Amino acid sequence: MSGISSHVLDTARGVPAEGMQIDLYRIEGDNWAKLRTVVTNSDGRVDGALLGSAEMAVGHYELVFHFGKYLRDSAGVAAPFLDLVPIRFGVVDVAAHYHVPLLISPFGYTTYRGS
């Protein structure tokens, strides 16, 4: 598999983060192009790739996770500490797989390049 993928786990509740909106942008200098908006499924994953290898280009991308809305909607947190969580990363090989998982809790998050 190649392209860009993601999944989100709610580590505070011990469940996949179902229903979280994720926006994908390509960044070229000062220009941001919104490529896709998706919502995580019951497994906290996106159905299919966020971006396939045929659509990718070498450069910078940003995933924006709508964390605050997820917490308000699913966990009943009225005023979340974190709202939008942006993760910017570089693509150097369009034939490679870039998996960007997000582990969340109400007051923090962790990410890494997954497989």
N, C-alpha and C. Protein backbone atom coordinates (compact mmCIF):
# COMPACT_ATOMS: atom_id res chain seq x y z
N MET A 1 0.85 -1.18 0.00
CA MET A 1 0.00 0.00 0.00
C MET A 1 0.89 1.24 0.00
N SER A 2 0.50 2.23 -0.76
CA SER A 2 1.20 3.50 -0.73
C SER A 2 0.17 4.60 -0.60
N GLY A 3 0.63 5.81 -0.37
CA GLY A 3 -0.28 6.94 -0.17
C GLY A 3 -0.24 7.42 1.27
N ILE A 4 -1.26 8.19 1.66
CA ILE A 4 -1.36 8.75 3.00
C ILE A 4 -2.58 8.15 3.68
N SER A 5 -2.39 7.65 4.90
CA SER A 5 -3.50 7.11 5.69
C SER A 5 -3.36 7.56 7.13
N SER A 6 -4.41 7.35 7.90
CA SER A 6 -4.41 7.76 9.31
C SER A 6 -5.42 6.94 10.08
N HIS A 7 -5.25 6.93 11.38
CA HIS A 7 -6.30 6.45 12.28
C HIS A 7 -6.13 7.18 13.61
N VAL A 8 -7.22 7.20 14.39
CA VAL A 8 -7.22 7.95 15.65
C VAL A 8 -7.74 7.05 16.76
N LEU A 9 -6.99 6.99 17.85
CA LEU A 9 -7.40 6.22 19.02
C LEU A 9 -7.58 7.16 20.20
N ASP A 10 -8.70 7.02 20.89
CA ASP A 10 -9.01 7.80 22.09
C ASP A 10 -8.45 7.01 23.28
N THR A 11 -7.23 7.34 23.69
CA THR A 11 -6.57 6.57 24.73
C THR A 11 -7.17 6.82 26.11
N ALA A 12 -7.84 7.94 26.32
CA ALA A 12 -8.46 8.23 27.61
C ALA A 12 -9.66 7.31 27.85
N ARG A 13 -10.39 7.00 26.78
CA ARG A 13 -11.58 6.14 26.91
C ARG A 13 -11.31 4.71 26.45
N GLY A 14 -10.14 4.49 25.84
CA GLY A 14 -9.78 3.15 25.39
C GLY A 14 -10.59 2.66 24.20
N VAL A 15 -10.93 3.59 23.27
CA VAL A 15 -11.74 3.23 22.11
C VAL A 15 -11.21 3.94 20.87
N PRO A 16 -11.55 3.41 19.68
CA PRO A 16 -11.25 4.17 18.46
C PRO A 16 -12.04 5.47 18.47
N ALA A 17 -11.49 6.51 17.88
CA ALA A 17 -12.15 7.82 17.83
C ALA A 17 -13.06 7.88 16.61
N GLU A 18 -14.25 7.37 16.78
CA GLU A 18 -15.24 7.35 15.69
C GLU A 18 -15.84 8.73 15.50
N GLY A 19 -15.98 9.14 14.24
CA GLY A 19 -16.66 10.39 13.93
C GLY A 19 -15.79 11.64 13.97
N MET A 20 -14.46 11.49 13.97
CA MET A 20 -13.59 12.66 13.97
C MET A 20 -13.33 13.12 12.54
N GLN A 21 -13.54 14.40 12.30
CA GLN A 21 -13.24 14.98 10.99
C GLN A 21 -11.75 15.22 10.86
N ILE A 22 -11.23 14.90 9.67
CA ILE A 22 -9.82 15.15 9.34
C ILE A 22 -9.77 15.86 7.99
N ASP A 23 -9.04 16.97 7.93
CA ASP A 23 -8.83 17.69 6.68
C ASP A 23 -7.39 17.46 6.24
N LEU A 24 -7.19 17.24 4.94
CA LEU A 24 -5.85 17.05 4.38
C LEU A 24 -5.54 18.20 3.44
N TYR A 25 -4.37 18.83 3.65
CA TYR A 25 -3.92 19.94 2.83
C TYR A 25 -2.57 19.62 2.22
N ARG A 26 -2.32 20.13 1.03
CA ARG A 26 -0.98 20.16 0.44
C ARG A 26 -0.50 21.59 0.57
N ILE A 27 0.74 21.75 1.03
CA ILE A 27 1.29 23.09 1.28
C ILE A 27 2.41 23.34 0.29
N GLU A 28 2.29 24.41 -0.47
CA GLU A 28 3.31 24.83 -1.43
C GLU A 28 3.61 26.29 -1.18
N GLY A 29 4.70 26.55 -0.45
CA GLY A 29 5.02 27.92 -0.08
C GLY A 29 3.96 28.47 0.86
N ASP A 30 3.36 29.60 0.47
CA ASP A 30 2.30 30.20 1.27
C ASP A 30 0.91 29.72 0.84
N ASN A 31 0.85 28.82 -0.12
CA ASN A 31 -0.44 28.34 -0.64
C ASN A 31 -0.80 26.99 -0.02
N TRP A 32 -2.03 26.92 0.47
CA TRP A 32 -2.57 25.69 1.02
C TRP A 32 -3.70 25.24 0.12
N ALA A 33 -3.63 24.00 -0.32
CA ALA A 33 -4.72 23.44 -1.14
C ALA A 33 -5.38 22.34 -0.33
N LYS A 34 -6.67 22.53 -0.04
CA LYS A 34 -7.41 21.50 0.68
C LYS A 34 -7.72 20.38 -0.30
N LEU A 35 -7.22 19.17 0.01
CA LEU A 35 -7.38 18.04 -0.88
C LEU A 35 -8.57 17.16 -0.52
N ARG A 36 -8.87 17.06 0.76
CA ARG A 36 -9.90 16.12 1.16
C ARG A 36 -10.35 16.39 2.59
N THR A 37 -11.62 16.12 2.85
CA THR A 37 -12.17 16.10 4.20
C THR A 37 -12.82 14.73 4.38
N VAL A 38 -12.47 14.06 5.47
CA VAL A 38 -13.01 12.73 5.75
C VAL A 38 -13.44 12.67 7.21
N VAL A 39 -14.14 11.61 7.55
CA VAL A 39 -14.57 11.37 8.94
C VAL A 39 -14.19 9.93 9.28
N THR A 40 -13.64 9.73 10.48
CA THR A 40 -13.22 8.40 10.88
C THR A 40 -14.42 7.48 11.09
N ASN A 41 -14.21 6.20 10.80
CA ASN A 41 -15.27 5.21 10.95
C ASN A 41 -15.27 4.61 12.36
N SER A 42 -16.02 3.54 12.58
CA SER A 42 -16.15 2.95 13.91
C SER A 42 -14.85 2.36 14.43
N ASP A 43 -13.88 2.15 13.55
CA ASP A 43 -12.57 1.64 13.95
C ASP A 43 -11.56 2.78 14.12
N GLY A 44 -12.02 4.04 14.02
CA GLY A 44 -11.13 5.19 14.14
C GLY A 44 -10.27 5.41 12.91
N ARG A 45 -10.62 4.72 11.83
CA ARG A 45 -9.85 4.80 10.59
C ARG A 45 -10.64 5.52 9.51
N VAL A 46 -9.92 5.83 8.46
CA VAL A 46 -10.55 6.43 7.28
C VAL A 46 -10.75 5.31 6.27
N ASP A 47 -11.92 5.25 5.67
CA ASP A 47 -12.17 4.23 4.65
C ASP A 47 -11.31 4.54 3.42
N GLY A 48 -10.35 3.69 3.14
CA GLY A 48 -9.44 3.92 2.02
C GLY A 48 -8.35 4.90 2.40
N ALA A 49 -7.53 5.22 1.44
CA ALA A 49 -6.42 6.16 1.67
C ALA A 49 -6.94 7.59 1.66
N LEU A 50 -6.32 8.44 2.45
CA LEU A 50 -6.61 9.87 2.38
C LEU A 50 -6.16 10.42 1.03
N LEU A 51 -5.07 9.88 0.55
CA LEU A 51 -4.52 10.29 -0.74
C LEU A 51 -3.76 9.11 -1.31
N GLY A 52 -4.07 8.74 -2.53
CA GLY A 52 -3.37 7.65 -3.19
C GLY A 52 -2.04 8.09 -3.75
N SER A 53 -1.18 7.14 -4.02
CA SER A 53 0.16 7.48 -4.51
C SER A 53 0.11 8.21 -5.85
N ALA A 54 -0.90 7.93 -6.69
CA ALA A 54 -1.01 8.60 -7.98
C ALA A 54 -1.33 10.09 -7.82
N GLU A 55 -1.92 10.45 -6.67
CA GLU A 55 -2.28 11.85 -6.41
C GLU A 55 -1.20 12.60 -5.63
N MET A 56 -0.25 11.86 -5.06
CA MET A 56 0.76 12.49 -4.21
C MET A 56 1.85 13.15 -5.04
N ALA A 57 2.46 14.14 -4.42
CA ALA A 57 3.63 14.82 -4.98
C ALA A 57 4.62 15.00 -3.84
N VAL A 58 5.88 15.06 -4.17
CA VAL A 58 6.89 15.36 -3.16
C VAL A 58 6.58 16.74 -2.59
N GLY A 59 6.66 16.88 -1.28
CA GLY A 59 6.39 18.17 -0.66
C GLY A 59 5.82 18.03 0.73
N HIS A 60 5.16 19.09 1.18
CA HIS A 60 4.63 19.13 2.54
C HIS A 60 3.11 19.01 2.54
N TYR A 61 2.63 18.28 3.55
CA TYR A 61 1.21 18.06 3.74
C TYR A 61 0.86 18.35 5.19
N GLU A 62 -0.41 18.62 5.42
CA GLU A 62 -0.86 18.82 6.80
C GLU A 62 -2.21 18.14 6.98
N LEU A 63 -2.29 17.37 8.05
CA LEU A 63 -3.56 16.80 8.49
C LEU A 63 -4.06 17.67 9.64
N VAL A 64 -5.32 18.06 9.60
CA VAL A 64 -5.91 18.83 10.69
C VAL A 64 -7.03 17.98 11.28
N PHE A 65 -6.84 17.57 12.52
CA PHE A 65 -7.81 16.74 13.23
C PHE A 65 -8.73 17.65 14.04
N HIS A 66 -10.02 17.49 13.90
CA HIS A 66 -11.02 18.30 14.60
C HIS A 66 -11.31 17.66 15.96
N PHE A 67 -10.33 17.81 16.83
CA PHE A 67 -10.32 17.15 18.13
C PHE A 67 -11.38 17.71 19.08
N GLY A 68 -11.48 19.03 19.16
CA GLY A 68 -12.44 19.67 20.07
C GLY A 68 -13.87 19.27 19.77
N LYS A 69 -14.25 19.26 18.50
CA LYS A 69 -15.61 18.86 18.13
C LYS A 69 -15.85 17.40 18.50
N TYR A 70 -14.85 16.55 18.27
CA TYR A 70 -14.98 15.14 18.65
C TYR A 70 -15.24 15.02 20.15
N LEU A 71 -14.46 15.74 20.97
CA LEU A 71 -14.64 15.67 22.42
C LEU A 71 -16.01 16.19 22.86
N ARG A 72 -16.46 17.26 22.25
CA ARG A 72 -17.79 17.79 22.59
C ARG A 72 -18.88 16.80 22.21
N ASP A 73 -18.78 16.23 21.01
CA ASP A 73 -19.82 15.35 20.49
C ASP A 73 -19.83 13.96 21.14
N SER A 74 -18.67 13.40 21.39
CA SER A 74 -18.63 12.00 21.83
C SER A 74 -18.34 11.82 23.31
N ALA A 75 -17.66 12.76 23.91
CA ALA A 75 -17.27 12.59 25.31
C ALA A 75 -17.93 13.60 26.24
N GLY A 76 -18.73 14.51 25.67
CA GLY A 76 -19.44 15.47 26.49
C GLY A 76 -18.56 16.52 27.15
N VAL A 77 -17.40 16.79 26.58
CA VAL A 77 -16.50 17.81 27.13
C VAL A 77 -16.96 19.16 26.60
N ALA A 78 -17.47 20.02 27.48
CA ALA A 78 -18.06 21.29 27.06
C ALA A 78 -17.04 22.27 26.49
N ALA A 79 -15.87 22.37 27.11
CA ALA A 79 -14.86 23.33 26.68
C ALA A 79 -13.51 22.63 26.63
N PRO A 80 -13.23 21.90 25.54
CA PRO A 80 -11.98 21.16 25.45
C PRO A 80 -10.75 22.06 25.46
N PHE A 81 -9.69 21.56 26.06
CA PHE A 81 -8.41 22.27 26.09
C PHE A 81 -7.83 22.39 24.68
N LEU A 82 -7.87 21.30 23.92
CA LEU A 82 -7.37 21.30 22.54
C LEU A 82 -8.54 21.35 21.58
N ASP A 83 -8.39 22.10 20.49
CA ASP A 83 -9.46 22.20 19.50
C ASP A 83 -9.03 21.53 18.20
N LEU A 84 -8.23 22.21 17.41
CA LEU A 84 -7.71 21.64 16.18
C LEU A 84 -6.28 21.15 16.41
N VAL A 85 -5.97 19.96 15.91
CA VAL A 85 -4.63 19.40 16.05
C VAL A 85 -4.04 19.27 14.65
N PRO A 86 -3.10 20.16 14.29
CA PRO A 86 -2.45 20.07 12.97
C PRO A 86 -1.17 19.24 13.05
N ILE A 87 -0.98 18.38 12.07
CA ILE A 87 0.26 17.61 11.96
C ILE A 87 0.80 17.81 10.56
N ARG A 88 1.95 18.48 10.47
CA ARG A 88 2.58 18.76 9.18
C ARG A 88 3.72 17.77 8.99
N PHE A 89 3.81 17.22 7.79
CA PHE A 89 4.85 16.24 7.51
C PHE A 89 5.27 16.34 6.06
N GLY A 90 6.44 15.78 5.77
CA GLY A 90 6.99 15.83 4.43
C GLY A 90 6.91 14.50 3.72
N VAL A 91 6.66 14.55 2.43
CA VAL A 91 6.66 13.38 1.56
C VAL A 91 7.87 13.49 0.64
N VAL A 92 8.73 12.49 0.70
CA VAL A 92 9.92 12.50 -0.16
C VAL A 92 9.89 11.38 -1.20
N ASP A 93 8.99 10.43 -1.04
CA ASP A 93 8.89 9.29 -1.95
C ASP A 93 7.41 9.00 -2.20
N VAL A 94 6.92 9.34 -3.37
CA VAL A 94 5.48 9.18 -3.65
C VAL A 94 5.06 7.72 -3.77
N ALA A 95 6.01 6.81 -3.86
CA ALA A 95 5.69 5.39 -3.90
C ALA A 95 5.61 4.77 -2.50
N ALA A 96 5.94 5.55 -1.48
CA ALA A 96 5.95 5.05 -0.10
C ALA A 96 4.59 5.22 0.56
N HIS A 97 4.43 4.56 1.69
CA HIS A 97 3.22 4.68 2.50
C HIS A 97 3.50 5.59 3.68
N TYR A 98 2.69 6.61 3.85
CA TYR A 98 2.81 7.55 4.97
C TYR A 98 1.57 7.38 5.84
N HIS A 99 1.73 6.65 6.93
CA HIS A 99 0.62 6.43 7.86
C HIS A 99 0.85 7.33 9.07
N VAL A 100 -0.13 8.18 9.38
CA VAL A 100 0.01 9.17 10.44
C VAL A 100 -1.09 8.92 11.49
N PRO A 101 -0.79 8.08 12.50
CA PRO A 101 -1.78 7.83 13.55
C PRO A 101 -1.78 8.95 14.57
N LEU A 102 -2.90 9.09 15.27
CA LEU A 102 -3.03 10.08 16.33
C LEU A 102 -3.61 9.39 17.55
N LEU A 103 -2.92 9.50 18.68
CA LEU A 103 -3.39 8.99 19.96
C LEU A 103 -3.79 10.20 20.78
N ILE A 104 -5.04 10.23 21.25
CA ILE A 104 -5.55 11.44 21.89
C ILE A 104 -6.04 11.18 23.31
N SER A 105 -5.97 12.22 24.11
CA SER A 105 -6.61 12.29 25.41
C SER A 105 -7.03 13.75 25.58
N PRO A 106 -7.87 14.08 26.53
CA PRO A 106 -8.38 15.46 26.61
C PRO A 106 -7.33 16.55 26.72
N PHE A 107 -6.14 16.23 27.21
CA PHE A 107 -5.14 17.27 27.42
C PHE A 107 -3.84 17.07 26.67
N GLY A 108 -3.83 16.13 25.71
CA GLY A 108 -2.61 15.92 24.95
C GLY A 108 -2.80 14.92 23.83
N TYR A 109 -1.77 14.79 23.02
CA TYR A 109 -1.81 13.84 21.90
C TYR A 109 -0.40 13.40 21.54
N THR A 110 -0.32 12.28 20.83
CA THR A 110 0.94 11.74 20.36
C THR A 110 0.75 11.28 18.93
N THR A 111 1.77 11.44 18.12
CA THR A 111 1.72 10.95 16.76
C THR A 111 3.09 10.38 16.42
N TYR A 112 3.13 9.65 15.32
CA TYR A 112 4.37 9.05 14.85
C TYR A 112 4.13 8.60 13.41
N ARG A 113 5.19 8.21 12.70
CA ARG A 113 5.01 7.63 11.38
C ARG A 113 4.80 6.14 11.56
N GLY A 114 3.61 5.70 11.26
CA GLY A 114 3.27 4.29 11.42
C GLY A 114 3.55 3.51 10.17
N SER A 115 3.06 2.29 10.16
CA SER A 115 3.29 1.42 9.00
C SER A 115 1.98 0.98 8.37
